[in-house]
PDB file of all heavy atoms in Angstrom:
ATOM      1  N   ASP A   1      99.868 185.606 143.788  1.00  0.00           N
ATOM      2  CA  ASP A   1      99.623 186.766 144.231  1.00  0.00           C
ATOM      3  C   ASP A   1      99.998 186.946 145.732  1.00  0.00           C
ATOM      4  O   ASP A   1     100.108 188.027 146.339  1.00  0.00           O
ATOM      5  CB  ASP A   1      98.236 187.291 144.062  1.00  0.00           C
ATOM      6  CG  ASP A   1      97.188 186.328 144.676  1.00  0.00           C
ATOM      7  OD1 ASP A   1      97.470 185.108 144.723  1.00  0.00           O
ATOM      8  OD2 ASP A   1      96.195 186.788 145.114  1.00  0.00           O
ATOM      9  N   LYS A   2     100.112 185.859 146.457  1.00  0.00           N
ATOM     10  CA  LYS A   2     100.502 185.875 147.839  1.00  0.00           C
ATOM     11  C   LYS A   2     102.026 186.016 147.984  1.00  0.00           C
ATOM     12  O   LYS A   2     102.517 186.213 149.171  1.00  0.00           O
ATOM     13  CB  LYS A   2      99.897 184.656 148.652  1.00  0.00           C
ATOM     14  CG  LYS A   2      98.538 184.389 148.487  1.00  0.00           C
ATOM     15  CD  LYS A   2      97.695 185.451 149.116  1.00  0.00           C
ATOM     16  CE  LYS A   2      96.232 185.098 149.079  1.00  0.00           C
ATOM     17  NZ  LYS A   2      95.431 186.310 149.372  1.00  0.00           N
ATOM     18  N   VAL A   3     102.753 185.803 146.970  1.00  0.00           N
ATOM     19  CA  VAL A   3     104.295 185.687 147.079  1.00  0.00           C
ATOM     20  C   VAL A   3     104.883 186.915 146.484  1.00  0.00           C
ATOM     21  O   VAL A   3     105.931 187.377 146.904  1.00  0.00           O
ATOM     22  CB  VAL A   3     104.777 184.447 146.420  1.00  0.00           C
ATOM     23  CG1 VAL A   3     106.235 184.339 146.406  1.00  0.00           C
ATOM     24  CG2 VAL A   3     104.245 183.222 147.075  1.00  0.00           C
ATOM     25  N   ILE A   4     104.195 187.461 145.285  1.00  0.00           N
ATOM     26  CA  ILE A   4     104.804 188.505 144.610  1.00  0.00           C
ATOM     27  C   ILE A   4     103.784 189.336 144.120  1.00  0.00           C
ATOM     28  O   ILE A   4     102.784 188.938 143.809  1.00  0.00           O
ATOM     29  CB  ILE A   4     105.675 188.085 143.446  1.00  0.00           C
ATOM     30  CG1 ILE A   4     106.445 189.064 142.836  1.00  0.00           C
ATOM     31  CG2 ILE A   4     104.832 187.309 142.406  1.00  0.00           C
ATOM     32  CD1 ILE A   4     107.631 188.589 141.798  1.00  0.00           C
ATOM     33  N   GLY A   5     104.056 190.703 144.291  1.00  0.00           N
ATOM     34  CA  GLY A   5     103.042 191.793 143.864  1.00  0.00           C
ATOM     35  C   GLY A   5     103.079 192.041 142.394  1.00  0.00           C
ATOM     36  O   GLY A   5     104.184 191.814 141.624  1.00  0.00           O
ATOM     37  N   SER A   6     101.956 192.562 141.900  1.00  0.00           N
ATOM     38  CA  SER A   6     101.979 192.810 140.451  1.00  0.00           C
ATOM     39  C   SER A   6     102.946 194.013 140.093  1.00  0.00           C
ATOM     40  O   SER A   6     103.471 194.029 139.068  1.00  0.00           O
ATOM     41  CB  SER A   6     100.492 193.281 140.097  1.00  0.00           C
ATOM     42  OG  SER A   6     100.054 194.347 140.971  1.00  0.00           O
ATOM     43  N   GLY A   7     103.196 194.903 141.048  1.00  0.00           N
ATOM     44  CA  GLY A   7     104.249 195.858 140.839  1.00  0.00           C
ATOM     45  C   GLY A   7     105.583 195.392 140.655  1.00  0.00           C
ATOM     46  O   GLY A   7     106.429 195.798 139.898  1.00  0.00           O
ATOM     47  N   ASP A   8     105.873 194.170 141.343  1.00  0.00           N
ATOM     48  CA  ASP A   8     107.101 193.678 141.248  1.00  0.00           C
ATOM     49  C   ASP A   8     107.280 192.958 139.741  1.00  0.00           C
ATOM     50  O   ASP A   8     108.349 193.089 139.234  1.00  0.00           O
ATOM     51  CB  ASP A   8     107.325 192.558 142.175  1.00  0.00           C
ATOM     52  CG  ASP A   8     107.220 193.034 143.691  1.00  0.00           C
ATOM     53  OD1 ASP A   8     107.694 194.147 143.874  1.00  0.00           O
ATOM     54  OD2 ASP A   8     106.849 192.238 144.576  1.00  0.00           O
ATOM     55  N   ILE A   9     106.260 192.434 139.294  1.00  0.00           N
ATOM     56  CA  ILE A   9     106.236 191.791 137.934  1.00  0.00           C
ATOM     57  C   ILE A   9     106.415 192.932 136.933  1.00  0.00           C
ATOM     58  O   ILE A   9     107.139 192.897 136.028  1.00  0.00           O
ATOM     59  CB  ILE A   9     104.959 190.966 137.662  1.00  0.00           C
ATOM     60  CG1 ILE A   9     105.179 189.770 138.572  1.00  0.00           C
ATOM     61  CG2 ILE A   9     104.779 190.637 136.218  1.00  0.00           C
ATOM     62  CD1 ILE A   9     103.843 188.862 138.657  1.00  0.00           C
ATOM     63  N   LEU A  10     105.712 194.037 137.170  1.00  0.00           N
ATOM     64  CA  LEU A  10     105.779 195.235 136.206  1.00  0.00           C
ATOM     65  C   LEU A  10     107.263 195.641 136.102  1.00  0.00           C
ATOM     66  O   LEU A  10     107.806 196.198 135.179  1.00  0.00           O
ATOM     67  CB  LEU A  10     104.880 196.278 136.582  1.00  0.00           C
ATOM     68  CG  LEU A  10     103.368 196.070 136.237  1.00  0.00           C
ATOM     69  CD1 LEU A  10     102.511 197.110 136.860  1.00  0.00           C
ATOM     70  CD2 LEU A  10     103.140 195.977 134.778  1.00  0.00           C
ATOM     71  N   PHE A  11     107.916 195.683 137.413  1.00  0.00           N
ATOM     72  CA  PHE A  11     109.324 196.189 137.493  1.00  0.00           C
ATOM     73  C   PHE A  11     110.177 195.246 136.667  1.00  0.00           C
ATOM     74  O   PHE A  11     111.131 195.689 135.968  1.00  0.00           O
ATOM     75  CB  PHE A  11     109.864 196.244 138.819  1.00  0.00           C
ATOM     76  CG  PHE A  11     111.111 197.152 138.854  1.00  0.00           C
ATOM     77  CD1 PHE A  11     111.068 198.517 138.768  1.00  0.00           C
ATOM     78  CD2 PHE A  11     112.377 196.538 138.870  1.00  0.00           C
ATOM     79  CE1 PHE A  11     112.143 199.218 138.711  1.00  0.00           C
ATOM     80  CE2 PHE A  11     113.494 197.271 138.908  1.00  0.00           C
ATOM     81  CZ  PHE A  11     113.417 198.641 138.773  1.00  0.00           C
ATOM     82  N   PHE A  12     109.994 193.942 136.721  1.00  0.00           N
ATOM     83  CA  PHE A  12     110.611 192.958 135.927  1.00  0.00           C
ATOM     84  C   PHE A  12     110.611 193.395 134.380  1.00  0.00           C
ATOM     85  O   PHE A  12     111.518 193.348 133.796  1.00  0.00           O
ATOM     86  CB  PHE A  12     110.145 191.544 135.932  1.00  0.00           C
ATOM     87  CG  PHE A  12     110.313 190.932 137.506  1.00  0.00           C
ATOM     88  CD1 PHE A  12     109.762 189.726 137.716  1.00  0.00           C
ATOM     89  CD2 PHE A  12     111.068 191.555 138.396  1.00  0.00           C
ATOM     90  CE1 PHE A  12     109.974 189.070 138.857  1.00  0.00           C
ATOM     91  CE2 PHE A  12     111.209 191.042 139.714  1.00  0.00           C
ATOM     92  CZ  PHE A  12     110.531 189.680 139.866  1.00  0.00           C
ATOM     93  N   ILE A  13     109.426 193.643 133.923  1.00  0.00           N
ATOM     94  CA  ILE A  13     109.150 194.131 132.628  1.00  0.00           C
ATOM     95  C   ILE A  13     109.892 195.446 132.234  1.00  0.00           C
ATOM     96  O   ILE A  13     110.482 195.514 131.243  1.00  0.00           O
ATOM     97  CB  ILE A  13     107.546 194.319 132.359  1.00  0.00           C
ATOM     98  CG1 ILE A  13     106.879 192.913 132.471  1.00  0.00           C
ATOM     99  CG2 ILE A  13     107.337 194.885 130.988  1.00  0.00           C
ATOM    100  CD1 ILE A  13     105.397 192.968 132.537  1.00  0.00           C
ATOM    101  N   LEU A  14     109.935 196.365 133.272  1.00  0.00           N
ATOM    102  CA  LEU A  14     110.589 197.563 133.043  1.00  0.00           C
ATOM    103  C   LEU A  14     112.013 197.307 132.779  1.00  0.00           C
ATOM    104  O   LEU A  14     112.693 197.816 131.936  1.00  0.00           O
ATOM    105  CB  LEU A  14     110.502 198.526 134.297  1.00  0.00           C
ATOM    106  CG  LEU A  14     111.058 199.882 134.257  1.00  0.00           C
ATOM    107  CD1 LEU A  14     110.208 200.749 135.211  1.00  0.00           C
ATOM    108  CD2 LEU A  14     112.451 199.947 134.608  1.00  0.00           C
ATOM    109  N   LEU A  15     112.671 196.391 133.612  1.00  0.00           N
ATOM    110  CA  LEU A  15     114.013 196.033 133.367  1.00  0.00           C
ATOM    111  C   LEU A  15     114.264 195.342 131.987  1.00  0.00           C
ATOM    112  O   LEU A  15     115.242 195.557 131.372  1.00  0.00           O
ATOM    113  CB  LEU A  15     114.418 194.972 134.434  1.00  0.00           C
ATOM    114  CG  LEU A  15     115.097 195.684 135.819  1.00  0.00           C
ATOM    115  CD1 LEU A  15     115.378 194.487 136.744  1.00  0.00           C
ATOM    116  CD2 LEU A  15     116.448 196.291 135.565  1.00  0.00           C
ATOM    117  N   GLY A  16     113.431 194.396 131.660  1.00  0.00           N
ATOM    118  CA  GLY A  16     113.482 193.682 130.472  1.00  0.00           C
ATOM    119  C   GLY A  16     113.416 194.587 129.163  1.00  0.00           C
ATOM    120  O   GLY A  16     114.045 194.267 128.193  1.00  0.00           O
ATOM    121  N   VAL A  17     112.627 195.632 129.299  1.00  0.00           N
ATOM    122  CA  VAL A  17     112.460 196.503 128.049  1.00  0.00           C
ATOM    123  C   VAL A  17     113.614 197.517 128.039  1.00  0.00           C
ATOM    124  O   VAL A  17     114.081 197.902 127.018  1.00  0.00           O
ATOM    125  CB  VAL A  17     111.085 197.311 128.256  1.00  0.00           C
ATOM    126  CG1 VAL A  17     111.054 198.375 127.277  1.00  0.00           C
ATOM    127  CG2 VAL A  17     109.948 196.320 128.034  1.00  0.00           C
ATOM    128  N   SER A  18     114.236 197.840 129.243  1.00  0.00           N
ATOM    129  CA  SER A  18     115.235 198.790 129.281  1.00  0.00           C
ATOM    130  C   SER A  18     116.664 198.551 128.868  1.00  0.00           C
ATOM    131  O   SER A  18     117.475 199.396 128.600  1.00  0.00           O
ATOM    132  CB  SER A  18     115.205 199.457 130.733  1.00  0.00           C
ATOM    133  OG  SER A  18     114.096 200.002 131.064  1.00  0.00           O
ATOM    134  N   PHE A  19     117.045 197.227 128.848  1.00  0.00           N
ATOM    135  CA  PHE A  19     118.350 196.859 128.696  1.00  0.00           C
ATOM    136  C   PHE A  19     118.493 195.605 127.624  1.00  0.00           C
ATOM    137  O   PHE A  19     117.622 194.843 127.605  1.00  0.00           O
ATOM    138  CB  PHE A  19     118.983 196.479 130.035  1.00  0.00           C
ATOM    139  CG  PHE A  19     119.077 197.617 130.917  1.00  0.00           C
ATOM    140  CD1 PHE A  19     118.025 197.731 131.868  1.00  0.00           C
ATOM    141  CD2 PHE A  19     120.039 198.520 130.725  1.00  0.00           C
ATOM    142  CE1 PHE A  19     118.198 198.852 132.798  1.00  0.00           C
ATOM    143  CE2 PHE A  19     120.080 199.597 131.742  1.00  0.00           C
ATOM    144  CZ  PHE A  19     119.191 199.797 132.593  1.00  0.00           C
ATOM    145  N   PRO A  20     119.635 195.577 127.068  1.00  0.00           N
ATOM    146  CA  PRO A  20     119.998 194.360 126.198  1.00  0.00           C
ATOM    147  C   PRO A  20     120.163 193.180 127.091  1.00  0.00           C
ATOM    148  O   PRO A  20     120.152 193.209 128.321  1.00  0.00           O
ATOM    149  CB  PRO A  20     121.436 194.770 125.601  1.00  0.00           C
ATOM    150  CG  PRO A  20     121.700 196.169 125.873  1.00  0.00           C
ATOM    151  CD  PRO A  20     120.733 196.553 127.085  1.00  0.00           C
ATOM    152  N   VAL A  21     120.128 191.954 126.535  1.00  0.00           N
ATOM    153  CA  VAL A  21     119.928 190.761 127.294  1.00  0.00           C
ATOM    154  C   VAL A  21     120.923 190.593 128.343  1.00  0.00           C
ATOM    155  O   VAL A  21     120.674 190.301 129.544  1.00  0.00           O
ATOM    156  CB  VAL A  21     120.019 189.516 126.281  1.00  0.00           C
ATOM    157  CG1 VAL A  21     119.985 188.258 127.012  1.00  0.00           C
ATOM    158  CG2 VAL A  21     118.936 189.575 125.284  1.00  0.00           C
ATOM    159  N   VAL A  22     122.273 190.711 128.046  1.00  0.00           N
ATOM    160  CA  VAL A  22     123.327 190.486 129.053  1.00  0.00           C
ATOM    161  C   VAL A  22     123.094 191.412 130.319  1.00  0.00           C
ATOM    162  O   VAL A  22     123.144 191.022 131.458  1.00  0.00           O
ATOM    163  CB  VAL A  22     124.699 190.510 128.484  1.00  0.00           C
ATOM    164  CG1 VAL A  22     125.771 190.450 129.606  1.00  0.00           C
ATOM    165  CG2 VAL A  22     124.942 189.460 127.475  1.00  0.00           C
ATOM    166  N   SER A  23     122.957 192.754 129.967  1.00  0.00           N
ATOM    167  CA  SER A  23     122.769 193.697 130.990  1.00  0.00           C
ATOM    168  C   SER A  23     121.502 193.446 131.857  1.00  0.00           C
ATOM    169  O   SER A  23     121.455 193.538 133.029  1.00  0.00           O
ATOM    170  CB  SER A  23     122.639 195.111 130.374  1.00  0.00           C
ATOM    171  OG  SER A  23     123.836 195.575 129.749  1.00  0.00           O
ATOM    172  N   PHE A  24     120.475 192.992 131.150  1.00  0.00           N
ATOM    173  CA  PHE A  24     119.130 192.703 131.853  1.00  0.00           C
ATOM    174  C   PHE A  24     119.367 191.652 132.870  1.00  0.00           C
ATOM    175  O   PHE A  24     119.104 191.717 133.935  1.00  0.00           O
ATOM    176  CB  PHE A  24     118.054 192.351 130.799  1.00  0.00           C
ATOM    177  CG  PHE A  24     116.911 191.527 131.535  1.00  0.00           C
ATOM    178  CD1 PHE A  24     116.067 192.140 132.409  1.00  0.00           C
ATOM    179  CD2 PHE A  24     116.788 190.163 131.170  1.00  0.00           C
ATOM    180  CE1 PHE A  24     114.987 191.523 133.021  1.00  0.00           C
ATOM    181  CE2 PHE A  24     115.633 189.533 131.861  1.00  0.00           C
ATOM    182  CZ  PHE A  24     114.721 190.173 132.727  1.00  0.00           C
ATOM    183  N   VAL A  25     119.996 190.512 132.424  1.00  0.00           N
ATOM    184  CA  VAL A  25     120.362 189.272 133.299  1.00  0.00           C
ATOM    185  C   VAL A  25     121.195 189.797 134.465  1.00  0.00           C
ATOM    186  O   VAL A  25     120.855 189.396 135.670  1.00  0.00           O
ATOM    187  CB  VAL A  25     120.847 188.254 132.513  1.00  0.00           C
ATOM    188  CG1 VAL A  25     121.304 187.075 133.552  1.00  0.00           C
ATOM    189  CG2 VAL A  25     119.967 187.604 131.453  1.00  0.00           C
ATOM    190  N   VAL A  26     122.237 190.434 134.271  1.00  0.00           N
ATOM    191  CA  VAL A  26     123.140 190.873 135.275  1.00  0.00           C
ATOM    192  C   VAL A  26     122.458 191.827 136.248  1.00  0.00           C
ATOM    193  O   VAL A  26     122.506 191.693 137.525  1.00  0.00           O
ATOM    194  CB  VAL A  26     124.436 191.573 134.700  1.00  0.00           C
ATOM    195  CG1 VAL A  26     125.174 192.277 135.747  1.00  0.00           C
ATOM    196  CG2 VAL A  26     125.236 190.461 133.919  1.00  0.00           C
ATOM    197  N   LEU A  27     121.708 192.863 135.728  1.00  0.00           N
ATOM    198  CA  LEU A  27     120.994 193.799 136.628  1.00  0.00           C
ATOM    199  C   LEU A  27     119.964 193.121 137.346  1.00  0.00           C
ATOM    200  O   LEU A  27     119.701 193.427 138.621  1.00  0.00           O
ATOM    201  CB  LEU A  27     120.526 194.927 135.668  1.00  0.00           C
ATOM    202  CG  LEU A  27     121.590 196.005 135.321  1.00  0.00           C
ATOM    203  CD1 LEU A  27     120.902 196.963 134.277  1.00  0.00           C
ATOM    204  CD2 LEU A  27     122.202 196.779 136.379  1.00  0.00           C
ATOM    205  N   PHE A  28     119.263 192.240 136.656  1.00  0.00           N
ATOM    206  CA  PHE A  28     118.026 191.472 137.436  1.00  0.00           C
ATOM    207  C   PHE A  28     118.605 190.691 138.557  1.00  0.00           C
ATOM    208  O   PHE A  28     118.117 190.752 139.572  1.00  0.00           O
ATOM    209  CB  PHE A  28     117.425 190.592 136.373  1.00  0.00           C
ATOM    210  CG  PHE A  28     116.229 189.967 136.955  1.00  0.00           C
ATOM    211  CD1 PHE A  28     115.007 190.569 137.108  1.00  0.00           C
ATOM    212  CD2 PHE A  28     116.193 188.607 137.371  1.00  0.00           C
ATOM    213  CE1 PHE A  28     113.887 189.921 137.625  1.00  0.00           C
ATOM    214  CE2 PHE A  28     115.191 187.901 137.871  1.00  0.00           C
ATOM    215  CZ  PHE A  28     113.949 188.584 137.996  1.00  0.00           C
ATOM    216  N   VAL A  29     119.635 189.941 138.257  1.00  0.00           N
ATOM    217  CA  VAL A  29     120.244 189.024 139.443  1.00  0.00           C
ATOM    218  C   VAL A  29     120.717 189.965 140.546  1.00  0.00           C
ATOM    219  O   VAL A  29     120.579 189.765 141.644  1.00  0.00           O
ATOM    220  CB  VAL A  29     121.243 188.114 138.798  1.00  0.00           C
ATOM    221  CG1 VAL A  29     122.083 187.359 139.859  1.00  0.00           C
ATOM    222  CG2 VAL A  29     120.537 187.007 137.948  1.00  0.00           C
ATOM    223  N   LEU A  30     121.589 190.965 140.144  1.00  0.00           N
ATOM    224  CA  LEU A  30     122.239 191.821 141.147  1.00  0.00           C
ATOM    225  C   LEU A  30     121.278 192.713 141.982  1.00  0.00           C
ATOM    226  O   LEU A  30     121.436 192.819 143.073  1.00  0.00           O
ATOM    227  CB  LEU A  30     123.246 192.714 140.546  1.00  0.00           C
ATOM    228  CG  LEU A  30     124.566 192.100 139.968  1.00  0.00           C
ATOM    229  CD1 LEU A  30     125.431 192.922 139.368  1.00  0.00           C
ATOM    230  CD2 LEU A  30     125.283 191.239 141.144  1.00  0.00           C
ATOM    231  N   SER A  31     120.168 192.998 141.348  1.00  0.00           N
ATOM    232  CA  SER A  31     119.103 193.725 142.010  1.00  0.00           C
ATOM    233  C   SER A  31     118.281 192.891 143.062  1.00  0.00           C
ATOM    234  O   SER A  31     117.936 193.251 144.015  1.00  0.00           O
ATOM    235  CB  SER A  31     118.110 194.452 140.988  1.00  0.00           C
ATOM    236  OG  SER A  31     117.368 193.487 140.311  1.00  0.00           O
ATOM    237  N   LEU A  32     118.291 191.665 142.646  1.00  0.00           N
ATOM    238  CA  LEU A  32     117.633 190.646 143.610  1.00  0.00           C
ATOM    239  C   LEU A  32     118.442 190.453 144.769  1.00  0.00           C
ATOM    240  O   LEU A  32     117.940 190.409 145.943  1.00  0.00           O
ATOM    241  CB  LEU A  32     117.138 189.338 142.889  1.00  0.00           C
ATOM    242  CG  LEU A  32     116.078 189.443 141.880  1.00  0.00           C
ATOM    243  CD1 LEU A  32     115.957 188.029 141.258  1.00  0.00           C
ATOM    244  CD2 LEU A  32     114.857 189.784 142.682  1.00  0.00           C
ATOM    245  N   ILE A  33     119.785 190.265 144.542  1.00  0.00           N
ATOM    246  CA  ILE A  33     120.735 190.110 145.574  1.00  0.00           C
ATOM    247  C   ILE A  33     120.794 191.310 146.473  1.00  0.00           C
ATOM    248  O   ILE A  33     120.755 191.259 147.705  1.00  0.00           O
ATOM    249  CB  ILE A  33     122.069 189.736 145.121  1.00  0.00           C
ATOM    250  CG1 ILE A  33     122.050 188.372 144.415  1.00  0.00           C
ATOM    251  CG2 ILE A  33     123.276 189.700 146.239  1.00  0.00           C
ATOM    252  CD1 ILE A  33     123.444 188.091 143.682  1.00  0.00           C
ATOM    253  N   PHE A  34     120.846 192.472 145.875  1.00  0.00           N
ATOM    254  CA  PHE A  34     120.858 193.822 146.641  1.00  0.00           C
ATOM    255  C   PHE A  34     119.515 193.889 147.488  1.00  0.00           C
ATOM    256  O   PHE A  34     119.651 194.154 148.693  1.00  0.00           O
ATOM    257  CB  PHE A  34     120.816 194.928 145.538  1.00  0.00           C
ATOM    258  CG  PHE A  34     120.716 196.253 146.186  1.00  0.00           C
ATOM    259  CD1 PHE A  34     121.768 196.934 146.641  1.00  0.00           C
ATOM    260  CD2 PHE A  34     119.411 197.069 146.145  1.00  0.00           C
ATOM    261  CE1 PHE A  34     121.526 198.309 147.280  1.00  0.00           C
ATOM    262  CE2 PHE A  34     119.311 198.241 146.654  1.00  0.00           C
ATOM    263  CZ  PHE A  34     120.376 198.974 147.237  1.00  0.00           C
ATOM    264  N   SER A  35     118.377 193.500 146.889  1.00  0.00           N
ATOM    265  CA  SER A  35     117.049 193.610 147.667  1.00  0.00           C
ATOM    266  C   SER A  35     117.082 192.613 148.874  1.00  0.00           C
ATOM    267  O   SER A  35     116.618 192.997 149.927  1.00  0.00           O
ATOM    268  CB  SER A  35     115.949 193.260 146.676  1.00  0.00           C
ATOM    269  OG  SER A  35     115.868 194.155 145.681  1.00  0.00           O
ATOM    270  N   LEU A  36     117.730 191.406 148.696  1.00  0.00           N
ATOM    271  CA  LEU A  36     117.725 190.434 149.690  1.00  0.00           C
ATOM    272  C   LEU A  36     118.695 190.990 150.842  1.00  0.00           C
ATOM    273  O   LEU A  36     118.274 190.992 152.042  1.00  0.00           O
ATOM    274  CB  LEU A  36     118.274 189.140 149.295  1.00  0.00           C
ATOM    275  CG  LEU A  36     118.537 188.118 150.313  1.00  0.00           C
ATOM    276  CD1 LEU A  36     117.172 187.721 150.990  1.00  0.00           C
ATOM    277  CD2 LEU A  36     119.272 186.855 149.629  1.00  0.00           C
ATOM    278  N   LEU A  37     119.857 191.524 150.469  1.00  0.00           N
ATOM    279  CA  LEU A  37     120.724 192.119 151.505  1.00  0.00           C
ATOM    280  C   LEU A  37     120.028 193.199 152.285  1.00  0.00           C
ATOM    281  O   LEU A  37     120.229 193.407 153.561  1.00  0.00           O
ATOM    282  CB  LEU A  37     122.065 192.394 150.809  1.00  0.00           C
ATOM    283  CG  LEU A  37     122.914 191.279 150.334  1.00  0.00           C
ATOM    284  CD1 LEU A  37     124.124 191.870 149.582  1.00  0.00           C
ATOM    285  CD2 LEU A  37     123.328 190.417 151.439  1.00  0.00           C
ATOM    286  N   ILE A  38     119.546 194.190 151.529  1.00  0.00           N
ATOM    287  CA  ILE A  38     118.904 195.321 152.315  1.00  0.00           C
ATOM    288  C   ILE A  38     117.754 194.906 153.159  1.00  0.00           C
ATOM    289  O   ILE A  38     117.545 195.399 154.209  1.00  0.00           O
ATOM    290  CB  ILE A  38     118.372 196.282 151.113  1.00  0.00           C
ATOM    291  CG1 ILE A  38     119.593 196.900 150.419  1.00  0.00           C
ATOM    292  CG2 ILE A  38     117.608 197.356 151.832  1.00  0.00           C
ATOM    293  CD1 ILE A  38     120.594 197.757 151.234  1.00  0.00           C
ATOM    294  N   SER A  39     117.022 193.965 152.723  1.00  0.00           N
ATOM    295  CA  SER A  39     115.845 193.474 153.503  1.00  0.00           C
ATOM    296  C   SER A  39     116.396 192.711 154.791  1.00  0.00           C
ATOM    297  O   SER A  39     115.834 192.899 155.750  1.00  0.00           O
ATOM    298  CB  SER A  39     114.976 192.556 152.688  1.00  0.00           C
ATOM    299  OG  SER A  39     115.509 191.298 152.350  1.00  0.00           O
ATOM    300  N   ILE A  40     117.468 192.085 154.689  1.00  0.00           N
ATOM    301  CA  ILE A  40     118.126 191.345 155.821  1.00  0.00           C
ATOM    302  C   ILE A  40     118.553 192.486 156.711  1.00  0.00           C
ATOM    303  O   ILE A  40     118.389 192.481 158.010  1.00  0.00           O
ATOM    304  CB  ILE A  40     119.290 190.362 155.405  1.00  0.00           C
ATOM    305  CG1 ILE A  40     118.572 189.224 154.738  1.00  0.00           C
ATOM    306  CG2 ILE A  40     120.054 190.041 156.595  1.00  0.00           C
ATOM    307  CD1 ILE A  40     119.608 188.238 154.081  1.00  0.00           C
ATOM    308  N   ILE A  41     119.278 193.467 156.322  1.00  0.00           N
ATOM    309  CA  ILE A  41     119.895 194.476 156.978  1.00  0.00           C
ATOM    310  C   ILE A  41     118.883 195.331 157.831  1.00  0.00           C
ATOM    311  O   ILE A  41     118.918 195.678 158.937  1.00  0.00           O
ATOM    312  CB  ILE A  41     120.946 195.405 156.227  1.00  0.00           C
ATOM    313  CG1 ILE A  41     122.159 194.599 155.805  1.00  0.00           C
ATOM    314  CG2 ILE A  41     121.326 196.592 157.065  1.00  0.00           C
ATOM    315  CD1 ILE A  41     122.901 195.283 154.717  1.00  0.00           C
ATOM    316  N   PHE A  42     117.810 195.670 157.135  1.00  0.00           N
ATOM    317  CA  PHE A  42     116.802 196.608 157.630  1.00  0.00           C
ATOM    318  C   PHE A  42     115.504 195.869 157.915  1.00  0.00           C
ATOM    319  O   PHE A  42     114.355 196.409 157.792  1.00  0.00           O
ATOM    320  CB  PHE A  42     116.542 197.751 156.668  1.00  0.00           C
ATOM    321  CG  PHE A  42     117.574 198.645 156.425  1.00  0.00           C
ATOM    322  CD1 PHE A  42     118.428 198.638 155.293  1.00  0.00           C
ATOM    323  CD2 PHE A  42     117.950 199.569 157.488  1.00  0.00           C
ATOM    324  CE1 PHE A  42     119.448 199.473 155.114  1.00  0.00           C
ATOM    325  CE2 PHE A  42     119.114 200.472 157.262  1.00  0.00           C
ATOM    326  CZ  PHE A  42     119.795 200.289 156.081  1.00  0.00           C
TER     327      PHE A  42
END
């Protein structure tokens, strides 16, 4: 709970329920990279 919020985990579930396996994996990884880049920039 000090590293990741419950909302973040709920969003993982949202992604997992919303897409087929390949799309889920690709979107999950790319969204993490996107989040990292945005957090570095801002």
